[in-house]
Amino acid sequence: MIRSTEKITYRNGFMLNDKPAHISEIRDIFEGRRVIALLVWEQYEKQKQKLLSKNLTPEQYQNACRNIAKALGV
């Protein structure tokens, strides 16, 4: 998973890398992270659907889902 090096926090206003920032400065960073997270989630769900056709036991299915999440960095 792609990780941004920018640190965004909110302490009585937005902070970018521990310096005051306007929301317009962080909007693109936040949206980029959101898009990546949705793409990873979509991949996770597709992999889970493939598992359903394999007739796994509940324990095997759970372990397989954990492995998928670990591989995707979730």
N, C-alpha and C. Protein backbone atom coordinates (compact mmCIF):
# COMPACT_ATOMS: atom_id res chain seq x y z
N MET A 1 0.84 -1.18 0.00
CA MET A 1 0.00 0.00 0.00
C MET A 1 0.88 1.24 0.00
N ILE A 2 0.50 2.23 -0.78
CA ILE A 2 1.27 3.47 -0.86
C ILE A 2 0.99 4.30 0.39
N ARG A 3 2.04 4.76 0.99
CA ARG A 3 1.90 5.57 2.20
C ARG A 3 2.52 6.95 1.94
N SER A 4 1.78 7.96 2.31
CA SER A 4 2.24 9.33 2.15
C SER A 4 3.11 9.72 3.34
N THR A 5 4.10 10.55 3.09
CA THR A 5 4.97 10.99 4.18
C THR A 5 4.42 12.23 4.88
N GLU A 6 3.38 12.84 4.32
CA GLU A 6 2.79 14.01 4.95
C GLU A 6 1.96 13.60 6.17
N LYS A 7 2.15 14.30 7.26
CA LYS A 7 1.42 14.04 8.49
C LYS A 7 0.34 15.10 8.64
N ILE A 8 -0.91 14.66 8.62
CA ILE A 8 -2.04 15.58 8.76
C ILE A 8 -2.68 15.35 10.12
N THR A 9 -2.83 16.44 10.88
CA THR A 9 -3.50 16.37 12.17
C THR A 9 -4.44 17.56 12.29
N TYR A 10 -5.27 17.52 13.32
CA TYR A 10 -6.17 18.65 13.58
C TYR A 10 -6.07 19.00 15.05
N ARG A 11 -5.59 20.18 15.31
CA ARG A 11 -5.47 20.71 16.67
C ARG A 11 -5.88 22.17 16.61
N ASN A 12 -7.14 22.44 16.87
CA ASN A 12 -7.65 23.81 16.73
C ASN A 12 -7.34 24.38 15.35
N GLY A 13 -7.36 23.54 14.37
CA GLY A 13 -7.07 23.90 12.99
C GLY A 13 -6.20 22.81 12.38
N PHE A 14 -6.19 22.75 11.08
CA PHE A 14 -5.41 21.72 10.41
C PHE A 14 -3.92 21.98 10.52
N MET A 15 -3.18 20.89 10.66
CA MET A 15 -1.72 20.94 10.72
C MET A 15 -1.18 19.98 9.67
N LEU A 16 -0.19 20.43 8.91
CA LEU A 16 0.48 19.60 7.92
C LEU A 16 1.94 19.56 8.31
N ASN A 17 2.42 18.36 8.68
CA ASN A 17 3.78 18.19 9.18
C ASN A 17 4.07 19.14 10.34
N ASP A 18 3.13 19.21 11.26
CA ASP A 18 3.23 20.01 12.48
C ASP A 18 3.28 21.52 12.25
N LYS A 19 2.82 21.97 11.08
CA LYS A 19 2.74 23.41 10.80
C LYS A 19 1.31 23.74 10.41
N PRO A 20 0.81 24.90 10.81
CA PRO A 20 -0.56 25.27 10.45
C PRO A 20 -0.76 25.23 8.94
N ALA A 21 -1.95 24.71 8.55
CA ALA A 21 -2.25 24.59 7.12
C ALA A 21 -3.74 24.86 6.90
N HIS A 22 -4.03 25.34 5.73
CA HIS A 22 -5.42 25.56 5.33
C HIS A 22 -5.94 24.26 4.72
N ILE A 23 -7.25 24.06 4.81
CA ILE A 23 -7.84 22.82 4.30
C ILE A 23 -7.53 22.61 2.81
N SER A 24 -7.39 23.68 2.06
CA SER A 24 -7.08 23.55 0.63
C SER A 24 -5.71 22.91 0.41
N GLU A 25 -4.81 23.04 1.38
CA GLU A 25 -3.49 22.44 1.27
C GLU A 25 -3.51 20.93 1.51
N ILE A 26 -4.45 20.48 2.30
CA ILE A 26 -4.48 19.05 2.64
C ILE A 26 -5.53 18.27 1.87
N ARG A 27 -6.44 18.95 1.21
CA ARG A 27 -7.54 18.28 0.52
C ARG A 27 -7.03 17.24 -0.48
N ASP A 28 -6.06 17.59 -1.32
CA ASP A 28 -5.55 16.65 -2.33
C ASP A 28 -4.87 15.44 -1.69
N ILE A 29 -4.13 15.67 -0.63
CA ILE A 29 -3.46 14.57 0.07
C ILE A 29 -4.50 13.62 0.64
N PHE A 30 -5.51 14.18 1.30
CA PHE A 30 -6.57 13.38 1.91
C PHE A 30 -7.33 12.59 0.85
N GLU A 31 -7.71 13.24 -0.22
CA GLU A 31 -8.46 12.56 -1.29
C GLU A 31 -7.64 11.45 -1.93
N GLY A 32 -6.35 11.68 -2.11
CA GLY A 32 -5.48 10.64 -2.66
C GLY A 32 -5.43 9.42 -1.76
N ARG A 33 -5.33 9.65 -0.47
CA ARG A 33 -5.32 8.54 0.49
C ARG A 33 -6.65 7.80 0.48
N ARG A 34 -7.73 8.54 0.33
CA ARG A 34 -9.06 7.92 0.32
C ARG A 34 -9.24 7.04 -0.92
N VAL A 35 -8.79 7.50 -2.06
CA VAL A 35 -8.88 6.72 -3.30
C VAL A 35 -8.08 5.43 -3.18
N ILE A 36 -6.89 5.52 -2.65
CA ILE A 36 -6.04 4.34 -2.48
C ILE A 36 -6.72 3.35 -1.53
N ALA A 37 -7.27 3.84 -0.44
CA ALA A 37 -7.95 2.96 0.52
C ALA A 37 -9.13 2.25 -0.12
N LEU A 38 -9.88 2.95 -0.95
CA LEU A 38 -11.02 2.33 -1.63
C LEU A 38 -10.56 1.27 -2.63
N LEU A 39 -9.47 1.52 -3.32
CA LEU A 39 -8.94 0.53 -4.27
C LEU A 39 -8.48 -0.73 -3.54
N VAL A 40 -7.84 -0.56 -2.41
CA VAL A 40 -7.40 -1.71 -1.61
C VAL A 40 -8.61 -2.48 -1.12
N TRP A 41 -9.64 -1.77 -0.65
CA TRP A 41 -10.85 -2.43 -0.17
C TRP A 41 -11.51 -3.23 -1.30
N GLU A 42 -11.54 -2.65 -2.48
CA GLU A 42 -12.13 -3.32 -3.64
C GLU A 42 -11.37 -4.61 -3.95
N GLN A 43 -10.05 -4.57 -3.91
CA GLN A 43 -9.25 -5.77 -4.14
C GLN A 43 -9.54 -6.82 -3.08
N TYR A 44 -9.65 -6.41 -1.84
CA TYR A 44 -9.95 -7.32 -0.73
C TYR A 44 -11.29 -8.02 -0.96
N GLU A 45 -12.31 -7.26 -1.32
CA GLU A 45 -13.63 -7.83 -1.56
C GLU A 45 -13.63 -8.80 -2.74
N LYS A 46 -12.89 -8.49 -3.80
CA LYS A 46 -12.81 -9.39 -4.96
C LYS A 46 -12.14 -10.70 -4.57
N GLN A 47 -11.09 -10.63 -3.78
CA GLN A 47 -10.41 -11.84 -3.34
C GLN A 47 -11.31 -12.69 -2.44
N LYS A 48 -12.10 -12.04 -1.60
CA LYS A 48 -13.03 -12.76 -0.73
C LYS A 48 -14.07 -13.50 -1.57
N GLN A 49 -14.55 -12.86 -2.64
CA GLN A 49 -15.54 -13.50 -3.51
C GLN A 49 -14.97 -14.77 -4.15
N LYS A 50 -13.70 -14.73 -4.53
CA LYS A 50 -13.07 -15.91 -5.10
C LYS A 50 -13.00 -17.05 -4.08
N LEU A 51 -12.81 -16.69 -2.82
CA LEU A 51 -12.73 -17.72 -1.77
C LEU A 51 -14.05 -18.46 -1.58
N LEU A 52 -15.16 -17.76 -1.79
CA LEU A 52 -16.47 -18.37 -1.57
C LEU A 52 -16.70 -19.59 -2.46
N SER A 53 -16.10 -19.59 -3.63
CA SER A 53 -16.30 -20.71 -4.56
C SER A 53 -15.44 -21.93 -4.21
N LYS A 54 -14.58 -21.81 -3.23
CA LYS A 54 -13.65 -22.90 -2.88
C LYS A 54 -14.17 -23.82 -1.78
N ASN A 55 -15.38 -23.59 -1.29
CA ASN A 55 -15.99 -24.44 -0.26
C ASN A 55 -15.07 -24.65 0.94
N LEU A 56 -14.57 -23.58 1.49
CA LEU A 56 -13.69 -23.65 2.65
C LEU A 56 -14.51 -23.75 3.94
N THR A 57 -13.89 -24.30 4.96
CA THR A 57 -14.53 -24.29 6.27
C THR A 57 -14.50 -22.86 6.79
N PRO A 58 -15.34 -22.52 7.77
CA PRO A 58 -15.30 -21.16 8.30
C PRO A 58 -13.91 -20.75 8.80
N GLU A 59 -13.22 -21.67 9.42
CA GLU A 59 -11.88 -21.36 9.93
C GLU A 59 -10.89 -21.12 8.78
N GLN A 60 -10.97 -21.93 7.75
CA GLN A 60 -10.09 -21.75 6.59
C GLN A 60 -10.39 -20.42 5.89
N TYR A 61 -11.69 -20.11 5.77
CA TYR A 61 -12.10 -18.85 5.14
C TYR A 61 -11.58 -17.65 5.94
N GLN A 62 -11.71 -17.71 7.25
CA GLN A 62 -11.23 -16.63 8.11
C GLN A 62 -9.71 -16.46 7.97
N ASN A 63 -8.98 -17.55 7.99
CA ASN A 63 -7.53 -17.48 7.84
C ASN A 63 -7.14 -16.93 6.47
N ALA A 64 -7.87 -17.35 5.43
CA ALA A 64 -7.59 -16.86 4.09
C ALA A 64 -7.85 -15.35 4.00
N CYS A 65 -8.93 -14.89 4.63
CA CYS A 65 -9.24 -13.45 4.63
C CYS A 65 -8.15 -12.66 5.36
N ARG A 66 -7.66 -13.21 6.45
CA ARG A 66 -6.57 -12.55 7.19
C ARG A 66 -5.33 -12.46 6.32
N ASN A 67 -5.03 -13.53 5.59
CA ASN A 67 -3.86 -13.53 4.71
C ASN A 67 -3.99 -12.50 3.60
N ILE A 68 -5.18 -12.37 3.05
CA ILE A 68 -5.43 -11.37 2.01
C ILE A 68 -5.20 -9.97 2.58
N ALA A 69 -5.77 -9.71 3.76
CA ALA A 69 -5.62 -8.39 4.39
C ALA A 69 -4.16 -8.09 4.67
N LYS A 70 -3.44 -9.08 5.16
CA LYS A 70 -2.01 -8.88 5.44
C LYS A 70 -1.24 -8.56 4.17
N ALA A 71 -1.55 -9.30 3.09
CA ALA A 71 -0.88 -9.08 1.82
C ALA A 71 -1.15 -7.69 1.26
N LEU A 72 -2.34 -7.18 1.51
CA LEU A 72 -2.72 -5.84 1.02
C LEU A 72 -2.27 -4.72 1.94
N GLY A 73 -1.74 -5.09 3.11
CA GLY A 73 -1.26 -4.07 4.05
C GLY A 73 -2.35 -3.43 4.87
N VAL A 74 -3.44 -4.14 5.06
CA VAL A 74 -4.57 -3.61 5.84
C VAL A 74 -4.38 -3.95 7.30
